[in-house]
Amino acid sequence: MRTSCLLPLTLAAAVARAHYIFSNLIVNGVAQGGDYAYIRKNSNSYMPSFTSEVVNSPDLRCNKGATAGSTKTYSVKAGDKIGFKLSFNEFIEHPGPAFVYMSKAPGSVASYDGSGDWFKAYEAGLCGGNAATDYLVRPEHIAIHEGHVGKAQFYMECAQLKIEGPGGGAPAPLVKIPGIYSANDPGIAYNKWTGSPAAYVMPGPKVWGGGASSGGGNSGNSGNSGNNNNGAGAGASAEPSTPSTAINDAAPTGGSGAAPSAPPSTGGGGAGGSGETAQMFGQCGGSGWSGPTACAQGACKAVNQYYSQCS
C-alpha cells in the first residue's frame, strides 16, 4: 500500500446518538461546504436501511433516494486525504465494520448512477490516472447488533469527486453494487450475543492494495466502531477472508456505563404480554412494530412514526 494513496475514513462527531449518516466531505482535515454539498442526499435522513431492503437493491449504492442530480463535484489531488463528517453531530456507536468503496464514472460523475464497477478502497484510495478522473466515493458503516435476526443496519452515502494528478495502479477486484453482500454473509448475519461469539469475517470483496503487493493483509478489529469514534474509522481487513477478532460493544456515553449483556429482544408480547423487554438501544415501538414495548434500561423514545428506541 502506498502512503501517498491513503484514504482514511474520518468520522468527526461530538455527541452520542443511535443513528447516523455521512453528510459532510472533509479534505485534508478541513470540512468542505455544508451538509450534502458534495454528497448525494438520501431520503431517509439518518435512519438505517435494513438487510432485506438493500442487499439486492440499487439503493445499496448510495442509500435511498440518493440519486444523480444537483450535487456538486469537488476536485482533489491524488494523495489527498478525505474523510466524512457525521450529520447531527452523531457518533457511530453500534458495533460493526466500516468501509470505503470507489467507482470510476464513465463520464461526468454528476450524472453517474453507480451501475459500473466498484472496488473496496478503505485506506487505499485516491489514486487516479494521469488525467482528471471522476469518481463516486462511498463511505459505509454496517451496524450488526441485530444482524442475527436479519436486521443489520446499513449507513452509506456517495460523494462526488474529481481526482487529479498522477496515480497509477489497476484497482481490483471489481464488483457491482448490489452484489457485494448477501443476507446470509457471516459478517452481516453475525450474532455477537452468544457466550462465545465467532471470529468476525469482513463482508464484501478484498481491499485493493493501492497497486502494491497485498501479501499478508491487515486483519483489524472492526467491532469497536463505538461512540468514541471521532478519529480514524473502524479497522478494515485487507484480507476479508481471514477472520479478525470477535466484535464487542463500547459502552455508549450517557448510557448505563456497561455494554449490553443480552441481545435486543426481537418479537413477541410487548409490555404486559410475554414479559419480554427491549435492551438499551433496541427497538421498542413504531408503526407495525409487534415486539416488546417496554425497556430493560432507559425509556422508550419515539424517533419518528416508524421507529422508537430504548435510550
C-alpha atoms as a PDB file:
ATOM      1  CA  MET A   1       0.000   0.000   0.000  1.00  0.00           C
ATOM      2  CA  ARG A   2       1.397   3.412  -0.905  1.00  0.00           C
ATOM      3  CA  THR A   3       1.212   6.008   1.820  1.00  0.00           C
ATOM      4  CA  SER A   4       0.523   8.649  -0.836  1.00  0.00           C
ATOM      5  CA  CYS A   5      -2.707   6.852  -1.619  1.00  0.00           C
ATOM      6  CA  LEU A   6      -4.159   6.557   1.867  1.00  0.00           C
ATOM      7  CA  LEU A   7      -7.878   7.159   2.170  1.00  0.00           C
ATOM      8  CA  PRO A   8      -8.651   7.318   5.903  1.00  0.00           C
ATOM      9  CA  LEU A   9     -12.293   7.295   6.919  1.00  0.00           C
ATOM     10  CA  THR A  10     -12.514  10.243   9.297  1.00  0.00           C
ATOM     11  CA  LEU A  11     -15.678  10.208  11.367  1.00  0.00           C
ATOM     12  CA  ALA A  12     -15.868  13.585  13.079  1.00  0.00           C
ATOM     13  CA  ALA A  13     -18.610  13.882  15.675  1.00  0.00           C
ATOM     14  CA  ALA A  14     -19.422  15.366  19.064  1.00  0.00           C
ATOM     15  CA  VAL A  15     -22.356  13.752  20.909  1.00  0.00           C
ATOM     16  CA  ALA A  16     -23.853  10.269  21.009  1.00  0.00           C
ATOM     17  CA  ARG A  17     -26.985   9.257  19.167  1.00  0.00           C
ATOM     18  CA  ALA A  18     -28.333   5.939  17.994  1.00  0.00           C
ATOM     19  CA  HIS A  19     -28.324   6.532  14.237  1.00  0.00           C
ATOM     20  CA  TYR A  20     -26.017   8.444  11.939  1.00  0.00           C
ATOM     21  CA  ILE A  21     -25.273   9.332   8.342  1.00  0.00           C
ATOM     22  CA  PHE A  22     -22.281  10.720   6.439  1.00  0.00           C
ATOM     23  CA  SER A  23     -23.240  14.220   5.324  1.00  0.00           C
ATOM     24  CA  ASN A  24     -20.150  16.409   5.023  1.00  0.00           C
ATOM     25  CA  LEU A  25     -16.990  15.925   2.953  1.00  0.00           C
ATOM     26  CA  ILE A  26     -13.627  16.549   4.662  1.00  0.00           C
ATOM     27  CA  VAL A  27     -10.454  17.070   2.610  1.00  0.00           C
ATOM     28  CA  ASN A  28      -7.050  17.166   4.334  1.00  0.00           C
ATOM     29  CA  GLY A  29      -8.764  17.756   7.663  1.00  0.00           C
ATOM     30  CA  VAL A  30     -10.982  20.637   6.514  1.00  0.00           C
ATOM     31  CA  ALA A  31     -14.757  20.390   6.026  1.00  0.00           C
ATOM     32  CA  GLN A  32     -15.814  21.399   2.519  1.00  0.00           C
ATOM     33  CA  GLY A  33     -19.160  23.136   2.130  1.00  0.00           C
ATOM     34  CA  GLY A  34     -22.140  22.268   4.281  1.00  0.00           C
ATOM     35  CA  ASP A  35     -24.134  19.080   4.650  1.00  0.00           C
ATOM     36  CA  TYR A  36     -24.687  17.342   1.305  1.00  0.00           C
ATOM     37  CA  ALA A  37     -22.808  19.980  -0.686  1.00  0.00           C
ATOM     38  CA  TYR A  38     -20.696  17.255  -2.331  1.00  0.00           C
ATOM     39  CA  ILE A  39     -22.553  14.183  -1.040  1.00  0.00           C
ATOM     40  CA  ARG A  40     -25.751  12.923  -2.627  1.00  0.00           C
ATOM     41  CA  LYS A  41     -28.621  13.441  -0.198  1.00  0.00           C
ATOM     42  CA  ASN A  42     -30.611  10.400   0.819  1.00  0.00           C
ATOM     43  CA  SER A  43     -34.326  10.480   1.575  1.00  0.00           C
ATOM     44  CA  ASN A  44     -34.332   8.516   4.845  1.00  0.00           C
ATOM     45  CA  SER A  45     -32.350  11.040   6.921  1.00  0.00           C
ATOM     46  CA  TYR A  46     -30.132   9.254   9.489  1.00  0.00           C
ATOM     47  CA  MET A  47     -32.367   6.161   9.644  1.00  0.00           C
ATOM     48  CA  PRO A  48     -30.781   2.846   8.648  1.00  0.00           C
ATOM     49  CA  SER A  49     -31.580   0.628   5.693  1.00  0.00           C
ATOM     50  CA  PHE A  50     -32.079  -2.987   6.774  1.00  0.00           C
ATOM     51  CA  THR A  51     -30.678  -6.131   5.205  1.00  0.00           C
ATOM     52  CA  SER A  52     -33.822  -7.246   3.379  1.00  0.00           C
ATOM     53  CA  GLU A  53     -34.318  -3.752   1.951  1.00  0.00           C
ATOM     54  CA  VAL A  54     -30.949  -3.105   0.367  1.00  0.00           C
ATOM     55  CA  VAL A  55     -28.620  -6.076  -0.155  1.00  0.00           C
ATOM     56  CA  ASN A  56     -30.195  -6.774  -3.566  1.00  0.00           C
ATOM     57  CA  SER A  57     -31.301  -3.217  -4.331  1.00  0.00           C
ATOM     58  CA  PRO A  58     -29.623  -0.354  -6.227  1.00  0.00           C
ATOM     59  CA  ASP A  59     -30.264   1.635  -3.034  1.00  0.00           C
ATOM     60  CA  LEU A  60     -27.213  -0.146  -1.599  1.00  0.00           C
ATOM     61  CA  ARG A  61     -25.023   2.067  -3.786  1.00  0.00           C
ATOM     62  CA  CYS A  62     -25.660   5.494  -2.289  1.00  0.00           C
ATOM     63  CA  ASN A  63     -28.679   4.975   0.005  1.00  0.00           C
ATOM     64  CA  LYS A  64     -32.400   5.530  -0.520  1.00  0.00           C
ATOM     65  CA  GLY A  65     -33.254   8.466  -2.753  1.00  0.00           C
ATOM     66  CA  ALA A  66     -29.592   9.464  -3.218  1.00  0.00           C
ATOM     67  CA  THR A  67     -29.568   9.747  -6.997  1.00  0.00           C
ATOM     68  CA  ALA A  68     -27.606  11.787  -9.518  1.00  0.00           C
ATOM     69  CA  GLY A  69     -28.887  15.333  -9.699  1.00  0.00           C
ATOM     70  CA  SER A  70     -27.870  18.697  -8.289  1.00  0.00           C
ATOM     71  CA  THR A  71     -24.964  17.572  -6.078  1.00  0.00           C
ATOM     72  CA  LYS A  72     -21.711  19.453  -6.739  1.00  0.00           C
ATOM     73  CA  THR A  73     -18.410  17.712  -7.516  1.00  0.00           C
ATOM     74  CA  TYR A  74     -15.264  18.515  -5.514  1.00  0.00           C
ATOM     75  CA  SER A  75     -11.782  18.357  -7.066  1.00  0.00           C
ATOM     76  CA  VAL A  76      -8.965  16.717  -5.112  1.00  0.00           C
ATOM     77  CA  LYS A  77      -5.415  15.645  -5.957  1.00  0.00           C
ATOM     78  CA  ALA A  78      -4.090  12.098  -5.849  1.00  0.00           C
ATOM     79  CA  GLY A  79      -2.664  11.646  -2.372  1.00  0.00           C
ATOM     80  CA  ASP A  80      -5.134  13.994  -0.646  1.00  0.00           C
ATOM     81  CA  LYS A  81      -6.779  12.580   2.459  1.00  0.00           C
ATOM     82  CA  ILE A  82     -10.551  12.615   2.535  1.00  0.00           C
ATOM     83  CA  GLY A  83     -12.998  11.896   5.296  1.00  0.00           C
ATOM     84  CA  PHE A  84     -16.693  12.200   6.089  1.00  0.00           C
ATOM     85  CA  LYS A  85     -18.361  14.015   8.982  1.00  0.00           C
ATOM     86  CA  LEU A  86     -21.471  12.563  10.570  1.00  0.00           C
ATOM     87  CA  SER A  87     -24.675  14.593  10.374  1.00  0.00           C
ATOM     88  CA  PHE A  88     -26.359  15.954  13.525  1.00  0.00           C
ATOM     89  CA  ASN A  89     -23.039  15.689  15.420  1.00  0.00           C
ATOM     90  CA  GLU A  90     -23.530  11.978  15.979  1.00  0.00           C
ATOM     91  CA  PHE A  91     -21.208   9.144  16.876  1.00  0.00           C
ATOM     92  CA  ILE A  92     -21.002   5.679  15.378  1.00  0.00           C
ATOM     93  CA  GLU A  93     -21.987   3.757  18.485  1.00  0.00           C
ATOM     94  CA  HIS A  94     -23.232   0.460  17.043  1.00  0.00           C
ATOM     95  CA  PRO A  95     -20.724  -2.384  16.589  1.00  0.00           C
ATOM     96  CA  GLY A  96     -19.787  -3.314  13.041  1.00  0.00           C
ATOM     97  CA  PRO A  97     -17.337  -2.766  10.187  1.00  0.00           C
ATOM     98  CA  ALA A  98     -16.678   0.408   8.161  1.00  0.00           C
ATOM     99  CA  PHE A  99     -15.636   0.536   4.517  1.00  0.00           C
ATOM    100  CA  VAL A 100     -14.994   2.922   1.654  1.00  0.00           C
ATOM    101  CA  TYR A 101     -15.795   1.882  -1.923  1.00  0.00           C
ATOM    102  CA  MET A 102     -14.998   3.795  -5.123  1.00  0.00           C
ATOM    103  CA  SER A 103     -16.407   3.633  -8.646  1.00  0.00           C
ATOM    104  CA  LYS A 104     -14.927   5.354 -11.692  1.00  0.00           C
ATOM    105  CA  ALA A 105     -17.567   7.267 -13.626  1.00  0.00           C
ATOM    106  CA  PRO A 106     -17.675   6.650 -17.396  1.00  0.00           C
ATOM    107  CA  GLY A 107     -18.135  10.387 -17.931  1.00  0.00           C
ATOM    108  CA  SER A 108     -19.286  13.116 -15.580  1.00  0.00           C
ATOM    109  CA  VAL A 109     -19.844  11.788 -12.052  1.00  0.00           C
ATOM    110  CA  ALA A 110     -22.737  14.247 -11.691  1.00  0.00           C
ATOM    111  CA  SER A 111     -24.888  12.051 -13.931  1.00  0.00           C
ATOM    112  CA  TYR A 112     -23.414   8.651 -12.992  1.00  0.00           C
ATOM    113  CA  ASP A 113     -25.845   6.200 -11.361  1.00  0.00           C
ATOM    114  CA  GLY A 114     -23.172   3.938  -9.882  1.00  0.00           C
ATOM    115  CA  SER A 115     -24.092   0.905 -12.008  1.00  0.00           C
ATOM    116  CA  GLY A 116     -20.485   0.369 -13.139  1.00  0.00           C
ATOM    117  CA  ASP A 117     -17.604  -1.369 -11.385  1.00  0.00           C
ATOM    118  CA  TRP A 118     -16.694  -0.676  -7.749  1.00  0.00           C
ATOM    119  CA  PHE A 119     -13.675  -1.581  -5.645  1.00  0.00           C
ATOM    120  CA  LYS A 120     -13.113  -1.514  -1.895  1.00  0.00           C
ATOM    121  CA  ALA A 121     -10.566   1.246  -1.227  1.00  0.00           C
ATOM    122  CA  TYR A 122     -10.634   1.677   2.524  1.00  0.00           C
ATOM    123  CA  GLU A 123      -7.304   3.264   3.411  1.00  0.00           C
ATOM    124  CA  ALA A 124      -6.057   2.588  -0.105  1.00  0.00           C
ATOM    125  CA  GLY A 125      -7.637   5.096  -2.457  1.00  0.00           C
ATOM    126  CA  LEU A 126      -7.418   8.471  -4.175  1.00  0.00           C
ATOM    127  CA  CYS A 127      -5.170   7.066  -6.862  1.00  0.00           C
ATOM    128  CA  GLY A 128      -6.235   8.475 -10.199  1.00  0.00           C
ATOM    129  CA  GLY A 129      -4.755   8.162 -13.661  1.00  0.00           C
ATOM    130  CA  ASN A 130      -2.664  10.783 -15.378  1.00  0.00           C
ATOM    131  CA  ALA A 131      -5.695  12.872 -16.226  1.00  0.00           C
ATOM    132  CA  ALA A 132      -8.583  14.149 -14.108  1.00  0.00           C
ATOM    133  CA  THR A 133     -10.960  11.282 -13.353  1.00  0.00           C
ATOM    134  CA  ASP A 134     -14.456  11.405 -11.829  1.00  0.00           C
ATOM    135  CA  TYR A 135     -15.331   9.009  -9.013  1.00  0.00           C
ATOM    136  CA  LEU A 136     -18.182   8.179  -6.706  1.00  0.00           C
ATOM    137  CA  VAL A 137     -16.690   7.618  -3.239  1.00  0.00           C
ATOM    138  CA  ARG A 138     -18.930   5.610  -0.929  1.00  0.00           C
ATOM    139  CA  PRO A 139     -18.365   5.501   2.856  1.00  0.00           C
ATOM    140  CA  GLU A 140     -20.345   2.838   4.686  1.00  0.00           C
ATOM    141  CA  HIS A 141     -20.889   1.509   8.183  1.00  0.00           C
ATOM    142  CA  ILE A 142     -22.820  -1.717   8.857  1.00  0.00           C
ATOM    143  CA  ALA A 143     -24.299  -1.984  12.353  1.00  0.00           C
ATOM    144  CA  ILE A 144     -24.662  -5.650  13.286  1.00  0.00           C
ATOM    145  CA  HIS A 145     -26.226  -5.574  16.747  1.00  0.00           C
ATOM    146  CA  GLU A 146     -29.405  -7.084  15.243  1.00  0.00           C
ATOM    147  CA  GLY A 147     -27.768  -8.870  12.323  1.00  0.00           C
ATOM    148  CA  HIS A 148     -28.607 -12.246  13.869  1.00  0.00           C
ATOM    149  CA  VAL A 149     -32.314 -11.599  13.293  1.00  0.00           C
ATOM    150  CA  GLY A 150     -31.866 -10.328   9.726  1.00  0.00           C
ATOM    151  CA  LYS A 151     -31.823  -6.649  10.685  1.00  0.00           C
ATOM    152  CA  ALA A 152     -28.272  -5.466  10.095  1.00  0.00           C
ATOM    153  CA  GLN A 153     -28.334  -1.691   9.607  1.00  0.00           C
ATOM    154  CA  PHE A 154     -26.632  -0.136   6.574  1.00  0.00           C
ATOM    155  CA  TYR A 155     -25.484   3.500   6.608  1.00  0.00           C
ATOM    156  CA  MET A 156     -23.915   4.745   3.363  1.00  0.00           C
ATOM    157  CA  GLU A 157     -23.632   7.805   1.143  1.00  0.00           C
ATOM    158  CA  CYS A 158     -21.832   8.774  -2.082  1.00  0.00           C
ATOM    159  CA  ALA A 159     -19.535  11.764  -2.514  1.00  0.00           C
ATOM    160  CA  GLN A 160     -18.750  13.112  -5.984  1.00  0.00           C
ATOM    161  CA  LEU A 161     -15.029  13.706  -6.523  1.00  0.00           C
ATOM    162  CA  LYS A 162     -12.792  14.638  -9.438  1.00  0.00           C
ATOM    163  CA  ILE A 163      -9.327  13.205  -8.729  1.00  0.00           C
ATOM    164  CA  GLU A 164      -6.442  14.984 -10.469  1.00  0.00           C
ATOM    165  CA  GLY A 165      -2.781  14.131 -10.857  1.00  0.00           C
ATOM    166  CA  PRO A 166      -0.611  11.042 -11.381  1.00  0.00           C
ATOM    167  CA  GLY A 167      -1.646   7.886  -9.644  1.00  0.00           C
ATOM    168  CA  GLY A 168      -1.418   4.532 -11.331  1.00  0.00           C
ATOM    169  CA  GLY A 169      -2.435   1.010 -10.480  1.00  0.00           C
ATOM    170  CA  ALA A 170      -5.359  -1.121 -11.573  1.00  0.00           C
ATOM    171  CA  PRO A 171      -7.977  -1.389  -8.805  1.00  0.00           C
ATOM    172  CA  ALA A 172      -9.163  -4.943  -8.121  1.00  0.00           C
ATOM    173  CA  PRO A 173     -11.253  -6.884  -7.539  1.00  0.00           C
ATOM    174  CA  LEU A 174     -14.007  -5.004  -9.370  1.00  0.00           C
ATOM    175  CA  VAL A 175     -17.572  -5.629  -8.209  1.00  0.00           C
ATOM    176  CA  LYS A 176     -21.110  -4.405  -8.806  1.00  0.00           C
ATOM    177  CA  ILE A 177     -23.446  -2.861  -6.245  1.00  0.00           C
ATOM    178  CA  PRO A 178     -25.812  -4.511  -5.459  1.00  0.00           C
ATOM    179  CA  GLY A 179     -23.925  -7.797  -5.492  1.00  0.00           C
ATOM    180  CA  ILE A 180     -21.243  -7.241  -2.839  1.00  0.00           C
ATOM    181  CA  TYR A 181     -23.243  -8.748   0.041  1.00  0.00           C
ATOM    182  CA  SER A 182     -25.876 -11.375   0.719  1.00  0.00           C
ATOM    183  CA  ALA A 183     -28.226 -11.535   3.690  1.00  0.00           C
ATOM    184  CA  ASN A 184     -26.538 -14.734   4.863  1.00  0.00           C
ATOM    185  CA  ASP A 185     -22.937 -13.463   4.814  1.00  0.00           C
ATOM    186  CA  PRO A 186     -21.293 -14.321   8.146  1.00  0.00           C
ATOM    187  CA  GLY A 187     -20.292 -10.695   8.638  1.00  0.00           C
ATOM    188  CA  ILE A 188     -23.862  -9.453   8.131  1.00  0.00           C
ATOM    189  CA  ALA A 189     -25.943 -12.165   9.824  1.00  0.00           C
ATOM    190  CA  TYR A 190     -23.432 -12.152  12.693  1.00  0.00           C
ATOM    191  CA  ASN A 191     -24.521 -12.964  16.251  1.00  0.00           C
ATOM    192  CA  LYS A 192     -22.358 -11.178  18.816  1.00  0.00           C
ATOM    193  CA  TRP A 193     -24.675 -12.050  21.685  1.00  0.00           C
ATOM    194  CA  THR A 194     -23.659 -15.684  22.227  1.00  0.00           C
ATOM    195  CA  GLY A 195     -21.427 -16.752  25.080  1.00  0.00           C
ATOM    196  CA  SER A 196     -18.597 -17.397  22.626  1.00  0.00           C
ATOM    197  CA  PRO A 197     -19.012 -15.168  19.537  1.00  0.00           C
ATOM    198  CA  ALA A 198     -17.410 -16.493  16.374  1.00  0.00           C
ATOM    199  CA  ALA A 199     -14.403 -14.734  14.899  1.00  0.00           C
ATOM    200  CA  TYR A 200     -15.671 -11.950  12.665  1.00  0.00           C
ATOM    201  CA  VAL A 201     -15.233 -12.189   8.884  1.00  0.00           C
ATOM    202  CA  MET A 202     -15.338  -8.939   6.890  1.00  0.00           C
ATOM    203  CA  PRO A 203     -18.156  -8.911   4.308  1.00  0.00           C
ATOM    204  CA  GLY A 204     -17.622  -7.803   0.733  1.00  0.00           C
ATOM    205  CA  PRO A 205     -14.607  -8.039  -1.572  1.00  0.00           C
ATOM    206  CA  LYS A 206     -10.972  -7.727  -0.593  1.00  0.00           C
ATOM    207  CA  VAL A 207      -9.477  -4.273  -0.208  1.00  0.00           C
ATOM    208  CA  TRP A 208      -7.463  -3.084  -3.197  1.00  0.00           C
ATOM    209  CA  GLY A 209      -3.836  -2.735  -2.156  1.00  0.00           C
ATOM    210  CA  GLY A 210      -3.273   0.567  -3.975  1.00  0.00           C
ATOM    211  CA  GLY A 211      -1.174  -1.047  -6.716  1.00  0.00           C
ATOM    212  CA  ALA A 212       1.308  -2.558  -4.236  1.00  0.00           C
ATOM    213  CA  SER A 213       1.604  -6.196  -3.169  1.00  0.00           C
ATOM    214  CA  SER A 214      -1.289  -7.245  -0.950  1.00  0.00           C
ATOM    215  CA  GLY A 215       0.626 -10.116   0.633  1.00  0.00           C
ATOM    216  CA  GLY A 216      -0.066 -10.738   4.290  1.00  0.00           C
ATOM    217  CA  GLY A 217      -3.018  -8.434   4.637  1.00  0.00           C
ATOM    218  CA  ASN A 218      -4.017  -6.385   7.651  1.00  0.00           C
ATOM    219  CA  SER A 219      -6.606  -8.019   9.841  1.00  0.00           C
ATOM    220  CA  GLY A 220      -8.254  -5.477  12.121  1.00  0.00           C
ATOM    221  CA  ASN A 221     -10.805  -5.459  14.923  1.00  0.00           C
ATOM    222  CA  SER A 222     -13.817  -3.848  13.337  1.00  0.00           C
ATOM    223  CA  GLY A 223     -16.042  -4.280  16.324  1.00  0.00           C
ATOM    224  CA  ASN A 224     -15.486  -1.171  18.361  1.00  0.00           C
ATOM    225  CA  SER A 225     -16.978   1.330  15.961  1.00  0.00           C
ATOM    226  CA  GLY A 226     -18.276   2.800  19.154  1.00  0.00           C
ATOM    227  CA  ASN A 227     -19.351   6.160  20.426  1.00  0.00           C
ATOM    228  CA  ASN A 228     -15.763   7.346  20.811  1.00  0.00           C
ATOM    229  CA  ASN A 229     -15.167   7.054  17.083  1.00  0.00           C
ATOM    230  CA  ASN A 230     -14.301  10.628  16.187  1.00  0.00           C
ATOM    231  CA  GLY A 231     -10.916   9.953  14.609  1.00  0.00           C
ATOM    232  CA  ALA A 232      -9.842   7.228  12.216  1.00  0.00           C
ATOM    233  CA  GLY A 233     -12.572   4.857  11.124  1.00  0.00           C
ATOM    234  CA  ALA A 234     -13.013   1.286  12.250  1.00  0.00           C
ATOM    235  CA  GLY A 235     -10.270  -1.053  11.106  1.00  0.00           C
ATOM    236  CA  ALA A 236     -10.867  -2.948   7.878  1.00  0.00           C
ATOM    237  CA  SER A 237      -9.128  -6.163   6.971  1.00  0.00           C
ATOM    238  CA  ALA A 238      -7.042  -6.201   3.799  1.00  0.00           C
ATOM    239  CA  GLU A 239      -7.796  -9.915   3.639  1.00  0.00           C
ATOM    240  CA  PRO A 240     -11.537 -10.137   4.390  1.00  0.00           C
ATOM    241  CA  SER A 241     -11.485 -13.929   4.119  1.00  0.00           C
ATOM    242  CA  THR A 242      -9.282 -14.076   7.232  1.00  0.00           C
ATOM    243  CA  PRO A 243     -11.299 -13.792  10.483  1.00  0.00           C
ATOM    244  CA  SER A 244     -10.447 -10.888  12.736  1.00  0.00           C
ATOM    245  CA  THR A 245     -11.146 -10.653  16.441  1.00  0.00           C
ATOM    246  CA  ALA A 246     -14.674 -11.042  17.790  1.00  0.00           C
ATOM    247  CA  ILE A 247     -16.832  -7.932  17.923  1.00  0.00           C
ATOM    248  CA  ASN A 248     -17.564  -6.201  21.209  1.00  0.00           C
ATOM    249  CA  ASP A 249     -19.696  -3.194  22.114  1.00  0.00           C
ATOM    250  CA  ALA A 250     -18.331   0.015  23.515  1.00  0.00           C
ATOM    251  CA  ALA A 251     -20.320   1.405  26.423  1.00  0.00           C
ATOM    252  CA  PRO A 252     -22.355   4.310  24.988  1.00  0.00           C
ATOM    253  CA  THR A 253     -21.871   7.739  26.503  1.00  0.00           C
ATOM    254  CA  GLY A 254     -24.888   8.695  28.558  1.00  0.00           C
ATOM    255  CA  GLY A 255     -25.988   5.066  28.925  1.00  0.00           C
ATOM    256  CA  SER A 256     -25.593   2.659  31.788  1.00  0.00           C
ATOM    257  CA  GLY A 257     -21.807   2.630  31.562  1.00  0.00           C
ATOM    258  CA  ALA A 258     -21.751  -1.062  30.685  1.00  0.00           C
ATOM    259  CA  ALA A 259     -22.138  -2.918  27.422  1.00  0.00           C
ATOM    260  CA  PRO A 260     -25.394  -4.892  26.978  1.00  0.00           C
ATOM    261  CA  SER A 261     -25.132  -8.497  28.106  1.00  0.00           C
ATOM    262  CA  ALA A 262     -28.021  -9.845  26.045  1.00  0.00           C
ATOM    263  CA  PRO A 263     -29.316  -9.304  22.502  1.00  0.00           C
ATOM    264  CA  PRO A 264     -32.096  -6.839  21.773  1.00  0.00           C
ATOM    265  CA  SER A 265     -35.478  -8.542  22.091  1.00  0.00           C
ATOM    266  CA  THR A 266     -36.970  -9.056  18.685  1.00  0.00           C
ATOM    267  CA  GLY A 267     -40.571 -10.058  18.961  1.00  0.00           C
ATOM    268  CA  GLY A 268     -43.481 -11.369  20.916  1.00  0.00           C
ATOM    269  CA  GLY A 269     -45.637  -9.714  23.537  1.00  0.00           C
ATOM    270  CA  GLY A 270     -44.904  -6.151  24.458  1.00  0.00           C
ATOM    271  CA  ALA A 271     -45.215  -4.780  27.945  1.00  0.00           C
ATOM    272  CA  GLY A 272     -47.683  -6.801  29.929  1.00  0.00           C
ATOM    273  CA  GLY A 273     -47.593  -9.623  27.344  1.00  0.00           C
ATOM    274  CA  SER A 274     -44.913 -12.307  27.482  1.00  0.00           C
ATOM    275  CA  GLY A 275     -42.787 -10.159  29.760  1.00  0.00           C
ATOM    276  CA  GLU A 276     -40.114  -9.557  27.125  1.00  0.00           C
ATOM    277  CA  THR A 277     -38.331  -6.224  27.175  1.00  0.00           C
ATOM    278  CA  ALA A 278     -36.106  -4.470  24.662  1.00  0.00           C
ATOM    279  CA  GLN A 279     -32.498  -3.861  25.671  1.00  0.00           C
ATOM    280  CA  MET A 280     -30.780  -0.484  25.615  1.00  0.00           C
ATOM    281  CA  PHE A 281     -30.734   0.940  22.055  1.00  0.00           C
ATOM    282  CA  GLY A 282     -33.116  -1.802  20.867  1.00  0.00           C
ATOM    283  CA  GLN A 283     -36.385  -1.073  19.050  1.00  0.00           C
ATOM    284  CA  CYS A 284     -39.395  -0.694  21.336  1.00  0.00           C
ATOM    285  CA  GLY A 285     -42.108   0.737  19.090  1.00  0.00           C
ATOM    286  CA  GLY A 286     -43.152   2.276  15.809  1.00  0.00           C
ATOM    287  CA  SER A 287     -45.763   1.735  13.134  1.00  0.00           C
ATOM    288  CA  GLY A 288     -46.179  -2.016  12.549  1.00  0.00           C
ATOM    289  CA  TRP A 289     -43.881  -2.997  15.430  1.00  0.00           C
ATOM    290  CA  SER A 290     -45.029  -6.205  17.149  1.00  0.00           C
ATOM    291  CA  GLY A 291     -42.114  -6.686  19.538  1.00  0.00           C
ATOM    292  CA  PRO A 292     -41.642  -5.551  23.121  1.00  0.00           C
ATOM    293  CA  THR A 293     -42.588  -2.021  24.041  1.00  0.00           C
ATOM    294  CA  ALA A 294     -41.023  -1.942  27.497  1.00  0.00           C
ATOM    295  CA  CYS A 295     -37.331  -1.242  28.033  1.00  0.00           C
ATOM    296  CA  ALA A 296     -34.975  -3.178  30.298  1.00  0.00           C
ATOM    297  CA  GLN A 297     -32.948   0.031  30.599  1.00  0.00           C
ATOM    298  CA  GLY A 298     -33.801   3.620  29.822  1.00  0.00           C
ATOM    299  CA  ALA A 299     -37.119   4.720  28.326  1.00  0.00           C
ATOM    300  CA  CYS A 300     -38.812   4.078  25.002  1.00  0.00           C
ATOM    301  CA  LYS A 301     -38.460   7.248  22.930  1.00  0.00           C
ATOM    302  CA  ALA A 302     -40.005   7.870  19.513  1.00  0.00           C
ATOM    303  CA  VAL A 303     -37.514   8.751  16.774  1.00  0.00           C
ATOM    304  CA  ASN A 304     -40.271   9.015  14.169  1.00  0.00           C
ATOM    305  CA  GLN A 305     -43.620   7.343  13.499  1.00  0.00           C
ATOM    306  CA  TYR A 306     -41.893   4.178  12.299  1.00  0.00           C
ATOM    307  CA  TYR A 307     -39.212   3.705  14.945  1.00  0.00           C
ATOM    308  CA  SER A 308     -38.933   4.067  18.727  1.00  0.00           C
ATOM    309  CA  GLN A 309     -35.819   3.094  20.649  1.00  0.00           C
ATOM    310  CA  CYS A 310     -34.769   2.408  24.246  1.00  0.00           C
ATOM    311  CA  SER A 311     -32.356   5.153  25.250  1.00  0.00           C
END
